[in-house]
Amino acid sequence: VLASVAWGVINLILTVIVDVANTARDAAKTSIVLKELKAIEVAKQSLLDVCKRMDLDNSGHLSLEELTAGFRHESDFSSVIEPLNMGEEDMHILFKQMDADGSGQVSYSEFVEQMAKLKLKDTTALLVFLKNYLHEIRRSVAESAKLLRDEHQVAQLRRPVRSSSEEPEHPLQVTVDSAICSGIAPLADVDEVYCKCRVASKPDAGIRSAARPCAQHVSLDFEDTLSDYEVGDSLTFSLWGRCSAEEIFI
């Protein structure tokens, strides 16, 4: 009986200790939350003061121009923005998110509240910012693509049109002289050999020498006009063989 009573007292003491510990922990959490809330309110008030300094026309609202100028000249403002990995080039995206009604201006309070949500990593605010950022990237890419298409179309229109019978602008006379290929005879499967000359950037543009029977020493001299050559093109020369109807790169 005495042992049961002792254990009961011990359990009661432990329960009281746990309750006291939980109460102290909850109080500590509450204190931390209150301190954080107080720090947030102080930060908001400080940002409101910064907004007033950035408001160059004293309208009570911020424009995109004022926001960008503030990033350049107000260190207190840029110190708030830079930890969010934003630069001056991102100000128009940030402003677009703040300017929900598309009026072209944002009130101090609206701007401060939205900035507080971003700083506190509010999920909805971050997703909206990300959506606007991706939309801006998509728009920029679309504009760049359209500009490239327009430039290409203009270049095509300016390019002179030649008839099929008209000579190309830059024909190139290719002469291969004193070209001797040795050691081909051991290739028993090769019946004849020839040389190809190609424009590196135009696989279909090229010329070739006449095919010559495979021998120990084969002369591959030839002369021809490369019609698709343009100034600045690179040429490649390669040796080929033929076995029956099959072409073999040597």
C-alpha atoms as a PDB file:
ATOM      1  CA  VAL A   1       0.000   0.000   0.000  1.00  0.00           C
ATOM      2  CA  LEU A   2       2.790   2.401   0.933  1.00  0.00           C
ATOM      3  CA  ALA A   3       4.531   1.670  -2.418  1.00  0.00           C
ATOM      4  CA  SER A   4       1.344   2.465  -4.374  1.00  0.00           C
ATOM      5  CA  VAL A   5       0.920   5.721  -2.523  1.00  0.00           C
ATOM      6  CA  ALA A   6       4.563   6.632  -3.195  1.00  0.00           C
ATOM      7  CA  TRP A   7       4.207   5.976  -6.895  1.00  0.00           C
ATOM      8  CA  GLY A   8       1.024   8.018  -7.002  1.00  0.00           C
ATOM      9  CA  VAL A   9       2.794  10.970  -5.369  1.00  0.00           C
ATOM     10  CA  ILE A  10       5.708  10.689  -7.793  1.00  0.00           C
ATOM     11  CA  ASN A  11       3.322  10.664 -10.802  1.00  0.00           C
ATOM     12  CA  LEU A  12       1.524  13.703  -9.416  1.00  0.00           C
ATOM     13  CA  ILE A  13       4.816  15.561  -8.986  1.00  0.00           C
ATOM     14  CA  LEU A  14       5.884  14.652 -12.555  1.00  0.00           C
ATOM     15  CA  THR A  15       2.545  15.829 -13.939  1.00  0.00           C
ATOM     16  CA  VAL A  16       2.927  19.174 -12.182  1.00  0.00           C
ATOM     17  CA  ILE A  17       6.507  19.548 -13.478  1.00  0.00           C
ATOM     18  CA  VAL A  18       5.405  18.786 -17.085  1.00  0.00           C
ATOM     19  CA  ASP A  19       2.516  21.246 -16.845  1.00  0.00           C
ATOM     20  CA  VAL A  20       4.819  23.957 -15.520  1.00  0.00           C
ATOM     21  CA  ALA A  21       7.336  23.243 -18.304  1.00  0.00           C
ATOM     22  CA  ASN A  22       4.600  23.395 -20.981  1.00  0.00           C
ATOM     23  CA  THR A  23       3.279  26.642 -19.558  1.00  0.00           C
ATOM     24  CA  ALA A  24       6.768  28.159 -19.565  1.00  0.00           C
ATOM     25  CA  ARG A  25       7.373  26.982 -23.125  1.00  0.00           C
ATOM     26  CA  ASP A  26       4.051  28.431 -24.321  1.00  0.00           C
ATOM     27  CA  ALA A  27       4.852  31.702 -22.583  1.00  0.00           C
ATOM     28  CA  ALA A  28       8.264  31.786 -24.274  1.00  0.00           C
ATOM     29  CA  LYS A  29       6.661  31.142 -27.667  1.00  0.00           C
ATOM     30  CA  THR A  30       4.122  33.885 -27.057  1.00  0.00           C
ATOM     31  CA  SER A  31       6.905  36.274 -26.065  1.00  0.00           C
ATOM     32  CA  ILE A  32       8.859  35.454 -29.235  1.00  0.00           C
ATOM     33  CA  VAL A  33       5.782  35.923 -31.431  1.00  0.00           C
ATOM     34  CA  LEU A  34       4.995  39.265 -29.779  1.00  0.00           C
ATOM     35  CA  LYS A  35       8.581  40.419 -30.309  1.00  0.00           C
ATOM     36  CA  GLU A  36       8.454  39.365 -33.973  1.00  0.00           C
ATOM     37  CA  LEU A  37       5.139  41.170 -34.490  1.00  0.00           C
ATOM     38  CA  LYS A  38       6.529  44.272 -32.851  1.00  0.00           C
ATOM     39  CA  ALA A  39       9.641  44.089 -35.074  1.00  0.00           C
ATOM     40  CA  ILE A  40       7.401  43.735 -38.148  1.00  0.00           C
ATOM     41  CA  GLU A  41       5.381  46.797 -37.185  1.00  0.00           C
ATOM     42  CA  VAL A  42       8.574  48.804 -36.629  1.00  0.00           C
ATOM     43  CA  ALA A  43       9.872  47.679 -40.024  1.00  0.00           C
ATOM     44  CA  LYS A  44       6.573  48.628 -41.689  1.00  0.00           C
ATOM     45  CA  GLN A  45       6.669  52.092 -40.168  1.00  0.00           C
ATOM     46  CA  SER A  46      10.266  52.512 -41.288  1.00  0.00           C
ATOM     47  CA  LEU A  47       9.325  51.474 -44.841  1.00  0.00           C
ATOM     48  CA  LEU A  48       6.402  53.918 -44.791  1.00  0.00           C
ATOM     49  CA  ASP A  49       8.851  56.712 -44.001  1.00  0.00           C
ATOM     50  CA  VAL A  50      11.035  55.565 -46.900  1.00  0.00           C
ATOM     51  CA  CYS A  51       8.006  55.606 -49.217  1.00  0.00           C
ATOM     52  CA  LYS A  52       7.317  59.218 -48.267  1.00  0.00           C
ATOM     53  CA  ARG A  53      10.871  60.184 -49.199  1.00  0.00           C
ATOM     54  CA  MET A  54      10.565  58.324 -52.514  1.00  0.00           C
ATOM     55  CA  ASP A  55       7.274  60.064 -53.361  1.00  0.00           C
ATOM     56  CA  LEU A  56       8.796  62.941 -55.306  1.00  0.00           C
ATOM     57  CA  ASP A  57       5.467  64.595 -56.262  1.00  0.00           C
ATOM     58  CA  ASN A  58       3.943  64.116 -52.764  1.00  0.00           C
ATOM     59  CA  SER A  59       0.902  62.399 -54.252  1.00  0.00           C
ATOM     60  CA  GLY A  60       0.650  59.814 -51.504  1.00  0.00           C
ATOM     61  CA  HIS A  61       1.347  57.123 -54.090  1.00  0.00           C
ATOM     62  CA  LEU A  62       4.412  55.638 -55.766  1.00  0.00           C
ATOM     63  CA  SER A  63       4.905  55.325 -59.520  1.00  0.00           C
ATOM     64  CA  LEU A  64       7.237  52.921 -61.305  1.00  0.00           C
ATOM     65  CA  GLU A  65       9.665  55.783 -61.961  1.00  0.00           C
ATOM     66  CA  GLU A  66       9.713  56.736 -58.272  1.00  0.00           C
ATOM     67  CA  LEU A  67      10.188  53.104 -57.273  1.00  0.00           C
ATOM     68  CA  THR A  68      13.153  52.694 -59.635  1.00  0.00           C
ATOM     69  CA  ALA A  69      14.691  55.994 -58.524  1.00  0.00           C
ATOM     70  CA  GLY A  70      14.245  54.934 -54.910  1.00  0.00           C
ATOM     71  CA  PHE A  71      16.155  51.728 -55.539  1.00  0.00           C
ATOM     72  CA  ARG A  72      19.042  53.763 -56.968  1.00  0.00           C
ATOM     73  CA  HIS A  73      19.185  56.520 -54.379  1.00  0.00           C
ATOM     74  CA  GLU A  74      17.515  55.266 -51.174  1.00  0.00           C
ATOM     75  CA  SER A  75      19.843  52.831 -49.435  1.00  0.00           C
ATOM     76  CA  ASP A  76      17.150  52.030 -46.836  1.00  0.00           C
ATOM     77  CA  PHE A  77      14.870  50.870 -49.652  1.00  0.00           C
ATOM     78  CA  SER A  78      17.485  48.902 -51.605  1.00  0.00           C
ATOM     79  CA  SER A  79      18.519  47.146 -48.365  1.00  0.00           C
ATOM     80  CA  VAL A  80      14.940  45.828 -48.108  1.00  0.00           C
ATOM     81  CA  ILE A  81      14.801  44.724 -51.752  1.00  0.00           C
ATOM     82  CA  GLU A  82      18.235  43.140 -52.263  1.00  0.00           C
ATOM     83  CA  PRO A  83      17.759  40.267 -49.746  1.00  0.00           C
ATOM     84  CA  LEU A  84      14.874  39.144 -51.970  1.00  0.00           C
ATOM     85  CA  ASN A  85      17.411  38.694 -54.798  1.00  0.00           C
ATOM     86  CA  MET A  86      15.887  41.566 -56.773  1.00  0.00           C
ATOM     87  CA  GLY A  87      17.742  44.226 -58.706  1.00  0.00           C
ATOM     88  CA  GLU A  88      16.827  47.440 -60.453  1.00  0.00           C
ATOM     89  CA  GLU A  89      15.809  45.467 -63.550  1.00  0.00           C
ATOM     90  CA  ASP A  90      13.148  43.671 -61.460  1.00  0.00           C
ATOM     91  CA  MET A  91      11.424  46.843 -60.248  1.00  0.00           C
ATOM     92  CA  HIS A  92       8.866  46.873 -63.057  1.00  0.00           C
ATOM     93  CA  ILE A  93       7.842  43.286 -62.190  1.00  0.00           C
ATOM     94  CA  LEU A  94       7.580  44.131 -58.500  1.00  0.00           C
ATOM     95  CA  PHE A  95       5.551  47.245 -59.303  1.00  0.00           C
ATOM     96  CA  LYS A  96       3.217  45.267 -61.570  1.00  0.00           C
ATOM     97  CA  GLN A  97       2.475  42.907 -58.695  1.00  0.00           C
ATOM     98  CA  MET A  98       1.793  45.798 -56.308  1.00  0.00           C
ATOM     99  CA  ASP A  99      -0.346  47.694 -58.828  1.00  0.00           C
ATOM    100  CA  ALA A 100      -3.219  45.202 -58.803  1.00  0.00           C
ATOM    101  CA  ASP A 101      -5.750  47.632 -60.346  1.00  0.00           C
ATOM    102  CA  GLY A 102      -3.393  48.741 -63.128  1.00  0.00           C
ATOM    103  CA  SER A 103      -3.682  52.410 -62.179  1.00  0.00           C
ATOM    104  CA  GLY A 104       0.031  53.052 -62.596  1.00  0.00           C
ATOM    105  CA  GLN A 105       0.489  54.002 -58.950  1.00  0.00           C
ATOM    106  CA  VAL A 106       0.632  52.223 -55.591  1.00  0.00           C
ATOM    107  CA  SER A 107      -0.359  53.599 -52.194  1.00  0.00           C
ATOM    108  CA  TYR A 108       2.164  53.537 -49.370  1.00  0.00           C
ATOM    109  CA  SER A 109       0.099  51.128 -47.273  1.00  0.00           C
ATOM    110  CA  GLU A 110      -0.502  48.757 -50.179  1.00  0.00           C
ATOM    111  CA  PHE A 111       3.192  48.713 -51.026  1.00  0.00           C
ATOM    112  CA  VAL A 112       4.277  48.151 -47.413  1.00  0.00           C
ATOM    113  CA  GLU A 113       1.800  45.294 -46.872  1.00  0.00           C
ATOM    114  CA  GLN A 114       2.880  43.509 -50.041  1.00  0.00           C
ATOM    115  CA  MET A 115       6.553  43.917 -49.151  1.00  0.00           C
ATOM    116  CA  ALA A 116       5.880  42.511 -45.672  1.00  0.00           C
ATOM    117  CA  LYS A 117       4.274  39.421 -47.226  1.00  0.00           C
ATOM    118  CA  LEU A 118       7.271  38.881 -49.498  1.00  0.00           C
ATOM    119  CA  LYS A 119       9.724  39.340 -46.623  1.00  0.00           C
ATOM    120  CA  LEU A 120       7.734  36.873 -44.479  1.00  0.00           C
ATOM    121  CA  LYS A 121       7.694  34.403 -47.392  1.00  0.00           C
ATOM    122  CA  ASP A 122       3.922  34.439 -47.655  1.00  0.00           C
ATOM    123  CA  THR A 123       3.137  31.578 -50.094  1.00  0.00           C
ATOM    124  CA  THR A 124       0.389  33.397 -51.992  1.00  0.00           C
ATOM    125  CA  ALA A 125       2.453  36.567 -52.416  1.00  0.00           C
ATOM    126  CA  LEU A 126       5.490  34.598 -53.589  1.00  0.00           C
ATOM    127  CA  LEU A 127       3.414  32.627 -56.102  1.00  0.00           C
ATOM    128  CA  VAL A 128       1.879  35.801 -57.493  1.00  0.00           C
ATOM    129  CA  PHE A 129       5.312  37.383 -57.831  1.00  0.00           C
ATOM    130  CA  LEU A 130       6.641  34.231 -59.534  1.00  0.00           C
ATOM    131  CA  LYS A 131       3.664  34.193 -61.910  1.00  0.00           C
ATOM    132  CA  ASN A 132       4.251  37.835 -62.863  1.00  0.00           C
ATOM    133  CA  TYR A 133       7.975  37.186 -63.263  1.00  0.00           C
ATOM    134  CA  LEU A 134       7.397  34.217 -65.586  1.00  0.00           C
ATOM    135  CA  HIS A 135       4.801  36.185 -67.543  1.00  0.00           C
ATOM    136  CA  GLU A 136       7.323  38.994 -68.025  1.00  0.00           C
ATOM    137  CA  ILE A 137       9.983  36.530 -69.193  1.00  0.00           C
ATOM    138  CA  ARG A 138       7.510  34.959 -71.643  1.00  0.00           C
ATOM    139  CA  ARG A 139       6.553  38.385 -72.975  1.00  0.00           C
ATOM    140  CA  SER A 140      10.196  39.400 -73.376  1.00  0.00           C
ATOM    141  CA  VAL A 141      11.043  36.163 -75.209  1.00  0.00           C
ATOM    142  CA  ALA A 142       8.017  36.586 -77.504  1.00  0.00           C
ATOM    143  CA  GLU A 143       9.037  40.152 -78.346  1.00  0.00           C
ATOM    144  CA  SER A 144      12.622  39.064 -79.064  1.00  0.00           C
ATOM    145  CA  ALA A 145      11.415  36.217 -81.265  1.00  0.00           C
ATOM    146  CA  LYS A 146       9.133  38.572 -83.191  1.00  0.00           C
ATOM    147  CA  LEU A 147      11.986  41.032 -83.652  1.00  0.00           C
ATOM    148  CA  LEU A 148      14.218  38.265 -85.014  1.00  0.00           C
ATOM    149  CA  ARG A 149      11.474  37.118 -87.390  1.00  0.00           C
ATOM    150  CA  ASP A 150      10.941  40.667 -88.618  1.00  0.00           C
ATOM    151  CA  GLU A 151      14.672  41.177 -89.156  1.00  0.00           C
ATOM    152  CA  HIS A 152      14.877  37.885 -91.036  1.00  0.00           C
ATOM    153  CA  GLN A 153      11.950  38.835 -93.258  1.00  0.00           C
ATOM    154  CA  VAL A 154      13.519  42.228 -94.008  1.00  0.00           C
ATOM    155  CA  ALA A 155      16.820  40.540 -94.846  1.00  0.00           C
ATOM    156  CA  GLN A 156      15.021  38.116 -97.155  1.00  0.00           C
ATOM    157  CA  LEU A 157      13.248  40.969 -98.920  1.00  0.00           C
ATOM    158  CA  ARG A 158      16.507  42.854 -99.385  1.00  0.00           C
ATOM    159  CA  ARG A 159      18.317  39.790-100.696  1.00  0.00           C
ATOM    160  CA  PRO A 160      18.589  39.925-104.499  1.00  0.00           C
ATOM    161  CA  VAL A 161      16.685  37.194-106.309  1.00  0.00           C
ATOM    162  CA  ARG A 162      18.595  35.289-108.991  1.00  0.00           C
ATOM    163  CA  SER A 163      17.025  33.327-111.768  1.00  0.00           C
ATOM    164  CA  SER A 164      18.015  29.701-112.211  1.00  0.00           C
ATOM    165  CA  SER A 165      20.100  30.609-115.233  1.00  0.00           C
ATOM    166  CA  GLU A 166      21.933  33.446-113.505  1.00  0.00           C
ATOM    167  CA  GLU A 167      25.492  32.870-112.307  1.00  0.00           C
ATOM    168  CA  PRO A 168      26.069  32.992-108.516  1.00  0.00           C
ATOM    169  CA  GLU A 169      27.636  36.059-106.969  1.00  0.00           C
ATOM    170  CA  HIS A 170      30.792  34.349-105.659  1.00  0.00           C
ATOM    171  CA  PRO A 171      31.800  31.280-107.697  1.00  0.00           C
ATOM    172  CA  LEU A 172      35.100  29.810-106.554  1.00  0.00           C
ATOM    173  CA  GLN A 173      37.578  28.186-108.892  1.00  0.00           C
ATOM    174  CA  VAL A 174      39.047  25.175-107.066  1.00  0.00           C
ATOM    175  CA  THR A 175      42.262  23.630-108.372  1.00  0.00           C
ATOM    176  CA  VAL A 176      43.848  20.576-106.746  1.00  0.00           C
ATOM    177  CA  ASP A 177      47.373  20.122-108.087  1.00  0.00           C
ATOM    178  CA  SER A 178      50.019  17.492-107.364  1.00  0.00           C
ATOM    179  CA  ALA A 179      47.704  15.537-105.063  1.00  0.00           C
ATOM    180  CA  ILE A 180      49.028  11.984-104.798  1.00  0.00           C
ATOM    181  CA  CYS A 181      47.267   9.397-102.636  1.00  0.00           C
ATOM    182  CA  SER A 182      49.533   6.534-101.590  1.00  0.00           C
ATOM    183  CA  GLY A 183      48.923   3.242 -99.831  1.00  0.00           C
ATOM    184  CA  ILE A 184      45.449   2.605-101.243  1.00  0.00           C
ATOM    185  CA  ALA A 185      46.322  -0.660-103.020  1.00  0.00           C
ATOM    186  CA  PRO A 186      46.041  -2.830 -99.850  1.00  0.00           C
ATOM    187  CA  LEU A 187      42.367  -1.902 -99.622  1.00  0.00           C
ATOM    188  CA  ALA A 188      41.224  -4.898-101.656  1.00  0.00           C
ATOM    189  CA  ASP A 189      37.555  -4.015-101.388  1.00  0.00           C
ATOM    190  CA  VAL A 190      38.001  -0.552-102.941  1.00  0.00           C
ATOM    191  CA  ASP A 191      37.687  -0.463-106.742  1.00  0.00           C
ATOM    192  CA  GLU A 192      38.225   3.262-107.298  1.00  0.00           C
ATOM    193  CA  VAL A 193      38.970   6.402-105.322  1.00  0.00           C
ATOM    194  CA  TYR A 194      38.161  10.124-105.633  1.00  0.00           C
ATOM    195  CA  CYS A 195      38.421  13.390-103.707  1.00  0.00           C
ATOM    196  CA  LYS A 196      35.477  15.515-102.493  1.00  0.00           C
ATOM    197  CA  CYS A 197      35.551  19.240-101.781  1.00  0.00           C
ATOM    198  CA  ARG A 198      32.675  20.577 -99.668  1.00  0.00           C
ATOM    199  CA  VAL A 199      31.597  23.877 -98.104  1.00  0.00           C
ATOM    200  CA  ALA A 200      31.701  23.174 -94.360  1.00  0.00           C
ATOM    201  CA  SER A 201      28.452  24.994 -93.547  1.00  0.00           C
ATOM    202  CA  LYS A 202      26.601  23.674 -96.637  1.00  0.00           C
ATOM    203  CA  PRO A 203      26.665  19.863 -96.789  1.00  0.00           C
ATOM    204  CA  ASP A 204      24.952  19.832-100.194  1.00  0.00           C
ATOM    205  CA  ALA A 205      27.403  22.281-101.769  1.00  0.00           C
ATOM    206  CA  GLY A 206      30.526  20.739-103.211  1.00  0.00           C
ATOM    207  CA  ILE A 207      32.483  19.238-106.079  1.00  0.00           C
ATOM    208  CA  ARG A 208      34.547  16.069-106.573  1.00  0.00           C
ATOM    209  CA  SER A 209      37.327  14.728-108.716  1.00  0.00           C
ATOM    210  CA  ALA A 210      36.894  12.021-111.297  1.00  0.00           C
ATOM    211  CA  ALA A 211      36.998   8.475-109.904  1.00  0.00           C
ATOM    212  CA  ARG A 212      40.283   6.716-110.536  1.00  0.00           C
ATOM    213  CA  PRO A 213      41.156   3.016-110.273  1.00  0.00           C
ATOM    214  CA  CYS A 214      42.635   2.004-106.927  1.00  0.00           C
ATOM    215  CA  ALA A 215      46.442   1.674-107.091  1.00  0.00           C
ATOM    216  CA  GLN A 216      49.535   2.067-104.924  1.00  0.00           C
ATOM    217  CA  HIS A 217      49.797   5.740-105.954  1.00  0.00           C
ATOM    218  CA  VAL A 218      46.763   7.616-107.292  1.00  0.00           C
ATOM    219  CA  SER A 219      46.760  11.170-108.674  1.00  0.00           C
ATOM    220  CA  LEU A 220      43.683  13.107-107.577  1.00  0.00           C
ATOM    221  CA  ASP A 221      44.362  16.372-109.406  1.00  0.00           C
ATOM    222  CA  PHE A 222      41.249  18.143-110.610  1.00  0.00           C
ATOM    223  CA  GLU A 223      39.817  21.584-111.324  1.00  0.00           C
ATOM    224  CA  ASP A 224      36.218  22.723-111.006  1.00  0.00           C
ATOM    225  CA  THR A 225      33.986  25.675-110.053  1.00  0.00           C
ATOM    226  CA  LEU A 226      32.246  25.701-106.655  1.00  0.00           C
ATOM    227  CA  SER A 227      29.082  27.668-107.394  1.00  0.00           C
ATOM    228  CA  ASP A 228      27.592  27.872-103.888  1.00  0.00           C
ATOM    229  CA  TYR A 229      30.681  29.363-102.271  1.00  0.00           C
ATOM    230  CA  GLU A 230      30.380  32.681-100.394  1.00  0.00           C
ATOM    231  CA  VAL A 231      33.201  34.796 -99.043  1.00  0.00           C
ATOM    232  CA  GLY A 232      34.154  33.520 -95.580  1.00  0.00           C
ATOM    233  CA  ASP A 233      33.039  29.911 -96.161  1.00  0.00           C
ATOM    234  CA  SER A 234      35.400  27.128 -95.067  1.00  0.00           C
ATOM    235  CA  LEU A 235      36.235  24.216 -97.367  1.00  0.00           C
ATOM    236  CA  THR A 236      36.834  20.578 -96.442  1.00  0.00           C
ATOM    237  CA  PHE A 237      38.618  17.946 -98.552  1.00  0.00           C
ATOM    238  CA  SER A 238      38.076  14.233 -98.018  1.00  0.00           C
ATOM    239  CA  LEU A 239      39.070  10.968 -99.709  1.00  0.00           C
ATOM    240  CA  TRP A 240      36.413   8.469-100.729  1.00  0.00           C
ATOM    241  CA  GLY A 241      36.402   5.028-102.287  1.00  0.00           C
ATOM    242  CA  ARG A 242      33.809   2.936-104.047  1.00  0.00           C
ATOM    243  CA  CYS A 243      33.220  -0.759-103.707  1.00  0.00           C
ATOM    244  CA  SER A 244      30.608  -1.936-106.190  1.00  0.00           C
ATOM    245  CA  ALA A 245      27.787   0.580-105.643  1.00  0.00           C
ATOM    246  CA  GLU A 246      28.743   1.456-102.038  1.00  0.00           C
ATOM    247  CA  GLU A 247      30.581   4.680-101.176  1.00  0.00           C
ATOM    248  CA  ILE A 248      33.271   4.387 -98.458  1.00  0.00           C
ATOM    249  CA  PHE A 249      34.938   7.224 -96.538  1.00  0.00           C
ATOM    250  CA  ILE A 250      38.700   6.667 -96.436  1.00  0.00           C
END
